[in-house]
Amino acid sequence: MPHRLASTSLVNLTTGGILAVGQGCDLYLLKFYNPAAAVTYLQVFDATASGGITLGTTVPKLVWGVASATNDEIATDSGLGFEVGVYIIPTTTPTGATGVLIHGFLFFG
């Protein structure tokens, strides 16, 4: 299946997560601003809905920790392939089951 470039978007993340891209794609860039007073972990899943994801059990495709009050980014030359879609859930630990409400901004492309 050919992959498409993910769209660029700015979103707020909630405890239940967000559907960042609703189809297969290659993710080349992920930027996040974390205004919280603690580190926030973004668990990134190859999915289009949270129904198939059990935090703490389902293995994410990517886990990324962003320190408090900072901007950070991940960039790849070849893209990280997602077959179904990109679903992102912010959590308090790298692979934990506790979601967190964060009003940071996510930019992806």
Protein backbone atom coordinates (compact mmCIF):
# COMPACT_ATOMS: atom_id res chain seq x y z
CA MET A 1 0.00 0.00 0.00
CA PRO A 2 1.51 3.39 -0.90
CA HIS A 3 1.73 5.83 1.97
CA ARG A 4 0.67 9.43 1.83
CA LEU A 5 2.26 12.34 3.61
CA ALA A 6 0.41 13.18 6.82
CA SER A 7 -1.37 16.52 6.91
CA THR A 8 -0.14 19.38 9.02
CA SER A 9 -2.30 20.13 12.04
CA LEU A 10 -2.42 21.87 15.38
CA VAL A 11 -4.45 20.07 18.05
CA ASN A 12 -5.06 19.95 21.78
CA LEU A 13 -4.58 16.52 23.32
CA THR A 14 -7.12 15.01 25.71
CA THR A 15 -6.94 12.06 28.08
CA GLY A 16 -8.66 9.84 25.50
CA GLY A 17 -6.24 10.85 22.78
CA ILE A 18 -6.81 12.15 19.28
CA LEU A 19 -6.94 10.81 15.78
CA ALA A 20 -4.14 12.78 14.13
CA VAL A 21 -4.38 11.08 10.71
CA GLY A 22 -7.31 8.90 9.64
CA GLN A 23 -5.52 6.88 6.97
CA GLY A 24 -2.21 5.17 6.24
CA CYS A 25 0.69 7.59 5.95
CA ASP A 26 4.38 8.19 6.50
CA LEU A 27 5.05 10.49 9.43
CA TYR A 28 8.11 12.66 8.81
CA LEU A 29 7.88 15.29 11.51
CA LEU A 30 6.29 15.50 14.92
CA LYS A 31 6.62 18.66 17.05
CA PHE A 32 5.07 19.20 20.44
CA TYR A 33 4.93 22.06 22.91
CA ASN A 34 4.33 20.89 26.46
CA PRO A 35 3.21 23.73 28.76
CA ALA A 36 2.60 21.37 31.70
CA ALA A 37 4.66 21.39 34.91
CA ALA A 38 5.65 17.74 34.34
CA VAL A 39 6.96 15.60 31.51
CA THR A 40 4.25 14.37 29.14
CA TYR A 41 4.63 11.14 27.17
CA LEU A 42 2.98 10.80 23.78
CA GLN A 43 2.06 7.22 22.95
CA VAL A 44 1.60 6.98 19.18
CA PHE A 45 -0.43 4.05 17.83
CA ASP A 46 -1.11 2.71 14.32
CA ALA A 47 -4.89 2.96 14.70
CA THR A 48 -7.91 5.07 13.76
CA ALA A 49 -9.86 4.73 17.01
CA SER A 50 -9.14 4.29 20.70
CA GLY A 51 -11.42 1.24 20.88
CA GLY A 52 -8.61 -1.14 19.93
CA ILE A 53 -6.10 0.50 22.29
CA THR A 54 -5.70 -0.51 25.93
CA LEU A 55 -3.22 1.82 27.62
CA GLY A 56 -0.60 -0.13 29.53
CA THR A 57 -1.21 -3.24 27.38
CA THR A 58 -1.30 -2.28 23.69
CA VAL A 59 2.23 -1.61 22.47
CA PRO A 60 2.55 1.83 20.85
CA LYS A 61 4.46 2.26 17.59
CA LEU A 62 6.30 5.23 19.10
CA VAL A 63 6.67 6.67 22.62
CA TRP A 64 8.03 10.16 23.07
CA GLY A 65 8.65 12.05 26.30
CA VAL A 66 8.54 15.85 26.21
CA ALA A 67 9.94 17.73 29.20
CA SER A 68 7.83 20.34 30.98
CA ALA A 69 7.53 23.80 29.45
CA THR A 70 9.51 22.91 26.33
CA ASN A 71 9.24 22.49 22.58
CA ASP A 72 10.59 19.26 21.12
CA GLU A 73 10.50 17.46 17.78
CA ILE A 74 11.18 14.14 16.10
CA ALA A 75 12.13 14.16 12.42
CA THR A 76 12.95 11.30 10.03
CA ASP A 77 14.25 11.38 6.47
CA SER A 78 12.39 8.27 5.34
CA GLY A 79 9.22 8.63 7.40
CA LEU A 80 7.71 6.28 9.97
CA GLY A 81 5.06 4.19 8.21
CA PHE A 82 1.55 3.87 9.61
CA GLU A 83 -0.72 1.36 7.83
CA VAL A 84 -4.08 2.39 9.31
CA GLY A 85 -3.73 5.85 10.86
CA VAL A 86 -2.04 7.83 13.61
CA TYR A 87 -3.71 7.91 17.03
CA ILE A 88 -1.93 9.77 19.84
CA ILE A 89 -2.63 9.52 23.57
CA PRO A 90 -0.77 11.67 26.15
CA THR A 91 0.17 9.82 29.34
CA THR A 92 2.05 10.37 32.61
CA THR A 93 4.56 7.52 32.02
CA PRO A 94 6.15 6.06 28.86
CA THR A 95 3.87 3.02 28.51
CA GLY A 96 1.49 3.62 31.39
CA ALA A 97 -2.27 3.46 31.55
CA THR A 98 -2.96 6.95 32.96
CA GLY A 99 -4.01 9.48 30.36
CA VAL A 100 -3.42 13.17 30.91
CA LEU A 101 -5.20 16.25 29.61
CA ILE A 102 -2.66 18.54 27.99
CA HIS A 103 -3.25 21.80 26.18
CA GLY A 104 -0.02 21.60 24.23
CA PHE A 105 0.18 21.87 20.49
CA LEU A 106 1.10 19.07 18.14
CA PHE A 107 2.42 19.72 14.64
CA PHE A 108 2.96 16.85 12.27
CA GLY A 109 3.83 16.47 8.64
